[in-house]
Each structure stands twice: as structure tokens, then as C-alpha cells.
Amino acid sequence: MANWNTTEAIESLAAEIGDKVYIDIAKWHLYLNDAHLHTVLAEQFYPMLADNNLQEGQVLQILQNIPVKLGGGKREIPLAELIPMQAQMNLMDLLEEFQRQM
């Protein structure tokens, strides 16, 4: 039962991330659910939220450690460099609110 609740919470978090956070490429906003990055992020953020240990520095480090392949894999860029500052702030707000509701 606990695993089901954790899985459900991660899926819910992933859905929120995917709908509200985007990467900006040539002024096009590609939401993370369309880029298939939302679940990977939720799986990494959830333990911090569950432990009530959300820290902006750790969130930014996670974003920095996720490579995004461009040009069919010719180049990789850290996710942190593709998410504009406003979207990063939205992500932090979303994570803080999610943690409060847990």
C-alpha cells in the first residue's frame, strides 16, 4: 500500500511538473511532459519532498545533472541551461506547494 501511495504521489508530481515547467528553445516553449522529462524529475524530487528537505541548491543540481540530447544526440546540454529563470522559479513554487500538501 505504501508503494502505491508513493507511486501515485510521484505520478501526480510529474503531471504538475510536466504541465507547468518548460524548456525554451528559440523562443518556443516545450513543456516537460512533451519532452518526456517530467517523470525523471519527479522521481528525483520526491524523496526531498517526502523527507521535508527541499533546498533550492539541490533542485538546481538535479537540473544541472540531467543531460538533454539535441540534434539527434550530437550534443548534450544540462536541463538547467534550457529552463528559463521564470520557469525555474515556477518549479520551486510548485515543489514547495506540493510539499505543503503532503
C-alpha atoms as a PDB file:
ATOM      1  CA  MET A   1       0.000   0.000   0.000  1.00  0.00           C
ATOM      2  CA  ALA A   2       2.828   2.421   0.822  1.00  0.00           C
ATOM      3  CA  ASN A   3       4.420   1.804  -2.569  1.00  0.00           C
ATOM      4  CA  TRP A   4       1.122   2.527  -4.281  1.00  0.00           C
ATOM      5  CA  ASN A   5       0.831   5.854  -2.433  1.00  0.00           C
ATOM      6  CA  THR A   6       4.404   6.772  -3.321  1.00  0.00           C
ATOM      7  CA  THR A   7       3.862   5.843  -6.961  1.00  0.00           C
ATOM      8  CA  GLU A   8       0.655   7.827  -7.058  1.00  0.00           C
ATOM      9  CA  ALA A   9       2.356  10.852  -5.467  1.00  0.00           C
ATOM     10  CA  ILE A  10       5.242  10.708  -7.957  1.00  0.00           C
ATOM     11  CA  GLU A  11       2.785  10.492 -10.850  1.00  0.00           C
ATOM     12  CA  SER A  12       0.869  13.478  -9.507  1.00  0.00           C
ATOM     13  CA  LEU A  13       4.071  15.467  -9.055  1.00  0.00           C
ATOM     14  CA  ALA A  14       5.230  14.503 -12.545  1.00  0.00           C
ATOM     15  CA  ALA A  15       1.930  15.678 -14.028  1.00  0.00           C
ATOM     16  CA  GLU A  16       2.251  19.071 -12.328  1.00  0.00           C
ATOM     17  CA  ILE A  17       5.867  19.484 -13.407  1.00  0.00           C
ATOM     18  CA  GLY A  18       5.044  18.439 -16.949  1.00  0.00           C
ATOM     19  CA  ASP A  19       2.178  20.907 -17.264  1.00  0.00           C
ATOM     20  CA  LYS A  20       3.853  23.942 -15.685  1.00  0.00           C
ATOM     21  CA  VAL A  21       7.588  23.788 -16.405  1.00  0.00           C
ATOM     22  CA  TYR A  22       9.089  24.206 -19.844  1.00  0.00           C
ATOM     23  CA  ILE A  23      12.342  24.488 -21.706  1.00  0.00           C
ATOM     24  CA  ASP A  24      12.848  27.409 -24.051  1.00  0.00           C
ATOM     25  CA  ILE A  25      14.364  26.683 -27.444  1.00  0.00           C
ATOM     26  CA  ALA A  26      14.414  29.539 -29.954  1.00  0.00           C
ATOM     27  CA  LYS A  27      11.555  31.194 -28.023  1.00  0.00           C
ATOM     28  CA  TRP A  28       9.461  28.025 -28.294  1.00  0.00           C
ATOM     29  CA  HIS A  29       8.177  26.655 -25.002  1.00  0.00           C
ATOM     30  CA  LEU A  30       8.420  22.884 -24.874  1.00  0.00           C
ATOM     31  CA  TYR A  31       6.706  21.666 -21.725  1.00  0.00           C
ATOM     32  CA  LEU A  32       8.499  18.917 -19.859  1.00  0.00           C
ATOM     33  CA  ASN A  33       5.690  16.413 -20.358  1.00  0.00           C
ATOM     34  CA  ASP A  34       6.103  16.819 -24.130  1.00  0.00           C
ATOM     35  CA  ALA A  35       9.871  16.454 -23.735  1.00  0.00           C
ATOM     36  CA  HIS A  36       9.360  13.315 -21.574  1.00  0.00           C
ATOM     37  CA  LEU A  37      11.417  14.786 -18.736  1.00  0.00           C
ATOM     38  CA  HIS A  38       8.706  15.287 -16.114  1.00  0.00           C
ATOM     39  CA  THR A  39       8.748  11.773 -14.626  1.00  0.00           C
ATOM     40  CA  VAL A  40      12.543  11.678 -14.305  1.00  0.00           C
ATOM     41  CA  LEU A  41      12.401  14.943 -12.365  1.00  0.00           C
ATOM     42  CA  ALA A  42       9.515  13.859 -10.141  1.00  0.00           C
ATOM     43  CA  GLU A  43      11.351  10.659  -9.221  1.00  0.00           C
ATOM     44  CA  GLN A  44      14.379  12.691  -8.140  1.00  0.00           C
ATOM     45  CA  PHE A  45      12.479  15.473  -6.357  1.00  0.00           C
ATOM     46  CA  TYR A  46      10.012  13.281  -4.470  1.00  0.00           C
ATOM     47  CA  PRO A  47      12.488  11.932  -1.859  1.00  0.00           C
ATOM     48  CA  MET A  48      13.452  15.504  -0.922  1.00  0.00           C
ATOM     49  CA  LEU A  49       9.801  16.435  -0.543  1.00  0.00           C
ATOM     50  CA  ALA A  50       8.965  13.299   1.444  1.00  0.00           C
ATOM     51  CA  ASP A  51      11.882  13.990   3.821  1.00  0.00           C
ATOM     52  CA  ASN A  52      10.794  17.632   4.141  1.00  0.00           C
ATOM     53  CA  ASN A  53      14.235  18.606   2.875  1.00  0.00           C
ATOM     54  CA  LEU A  54      13.569  20.786  -0.163  1.00  0.00           C
ATOM     55  CA  GLN A  55      16.551  23.015  -0.937  1.00  0.00           C
ATOM     56  CA  GLU A  56      16.900  25.235  -3.984  1.00  0.00           C
ATOM     57  CA  GLY A  57      20.565  24.324  -4.404  1.00  0.00           C
ATOM     58  CA  GLN A  58      19.720  20.629  -4.610  1.00  0.00           C
ATOM     59  CA  VAL A  59      16.923  21.292  -7.118  1.00  0.00           C
ATOM     60  CA  LEU A  60      19.327  23.248  -9.309  1.00  0.00           C
ATOM     61  CA  GLN A  61      21.936  20.486  -9.002  1.00  0.00           C
ATOM     62  CA  ILE A  62      19.410  17.898 -10.168  1.00  0.00           C
ATOM     63  CA  LEU A  63      18.533  20.091 -13.151  1.00  0.00           C
ATOM     64  CA  GLN A  64      22.236  20.503 -13.895  1.00  0.00           C
ATOM     65  CA  ASN A  65      22.815  16.723 -13.781  1.00  0.00           C
ATOM     66  CA  ILE A  66      20.116  15.806 -16.309  1.00  0.00           C
ATOM     67  CA  PRO A  67      21.526  15.866 -19.843  1.00  0.00           C
ATOM     68  CA  VAL A  68      19.206  16.771 -22.718  1.00  0.00           C
ATOM     69  CA  LYS A  69      20.259  15.432 -26.102  1.00  0.00           C
ATOM     70  CA  LEU A  70      19.952  17.801 -29.033  1.00  0.00           C
ATOM     71  CA  GLY A  71      20.406  17.227 -32.743  1.00  0.00           C
ATOM     72  CA  GLY A  72      19.816  13.503 -32.573  1.00  0.00           C
ATOM     73  CA  GLY A  73      22.340  13.132 -29.783  1.00  0.00           C
ATOM     74  CA  LYS A  74      25.121  15.180 -31.387  1.00  0.00           C
ATOM     75  CA  ARG A  75      25.191  17.435 -28.360  1.00  0.00           C
ATOM     76  CA  GLU A  76      24.078  17.265 -24.733  1.00  0.00           C
ATOM     77  CA  ILE A  77      23.132  20.286 -22.657  1.00  0.00           C
ATOM     78  CA  PRO A  78      22.221  20.259 -18.957  1.00  0.00           C
ATOM     79  CA  LEU A  79      18.495  20.722 -18.402  1.00  0.00           C
ATOM     80  CA  ALA A  80      19.240  23.668 -16.107  1.00  0.00           C
ATOM     81  CA  GLU A  81      20.548  25.648 -19.075  1.00  0.00           C
ATOM     82  CA  LEU A  82      17.339  25.134 -21.063  1.00  0.00           C
ATOM     83  CA  ILE A  83      14.824  26.133 -18.381  1.00  0.00           C
ATOM     84  CA  PRO A  84      14.421  29.914 -18.190  1.00  0.00           C
ATOM     85  CA  MET A  85      14.671  31.612 -14.800  1.00  0.00           C
ATOM     86  CA  GLN A  86      10.907  32.226 -14.574  1.00  0.00           C
ATOM     87  CA  ALA A  87      10.200  28.550 -15.224  1.00  0.00           C
ATOM     88  CA  GLN A  88      12.782  27.590 -12.565  1.00  0.00           C
ATOM     89  CA  MET A  89      11.002  29.864 -10.100  1.00  0.00           C
ATOM     90  CA  ASN A  90       7.692  28.253 -11.069  1.00  0.00           C
ATOM     91  CA  LEU A  91       9.256  24.850 -10.432  1.00  0.00           C
ATOM     92  CA  MET A  92      10.400  25.868  -6.943  1.00  0.00           C
ATOM     93  CA  ASP A  93       6.946  27.285  -6.156  1.00  0.00           C
ATOM     94  CA  LEU A  94       5.319  24.093  -7.416  1.00  0.00           C
ATOM     95  CA  LEU A  95       7.638  21.906  -5.322  1.00  0.00           C
ATOM     96  CA  GLU A  96       7.082  23.993  -2.194  1.00  0.00           C
ATOM     97  CA  GLU A  97       3.309  23.817  -2.632  1.00  0.00           C
ATOM     98  CA  PHE A  98       3.413  20.075  -3.298  1.00  0.00           C
ATOM     99  CA  GLN A  99       5.457  19.578  -0.126  1.00  0.00           C
ATOM    100  CA  ARG A 100       2.963  21.602   1.934  1.00  0.00           C
ATOM    101  CA  GLN A 101       0.115  19.411   0.683  1.00  0.00           C
ATOM    102  CA  MET A 102       1.871  16.137   1.501  1.00  0.00           C
END
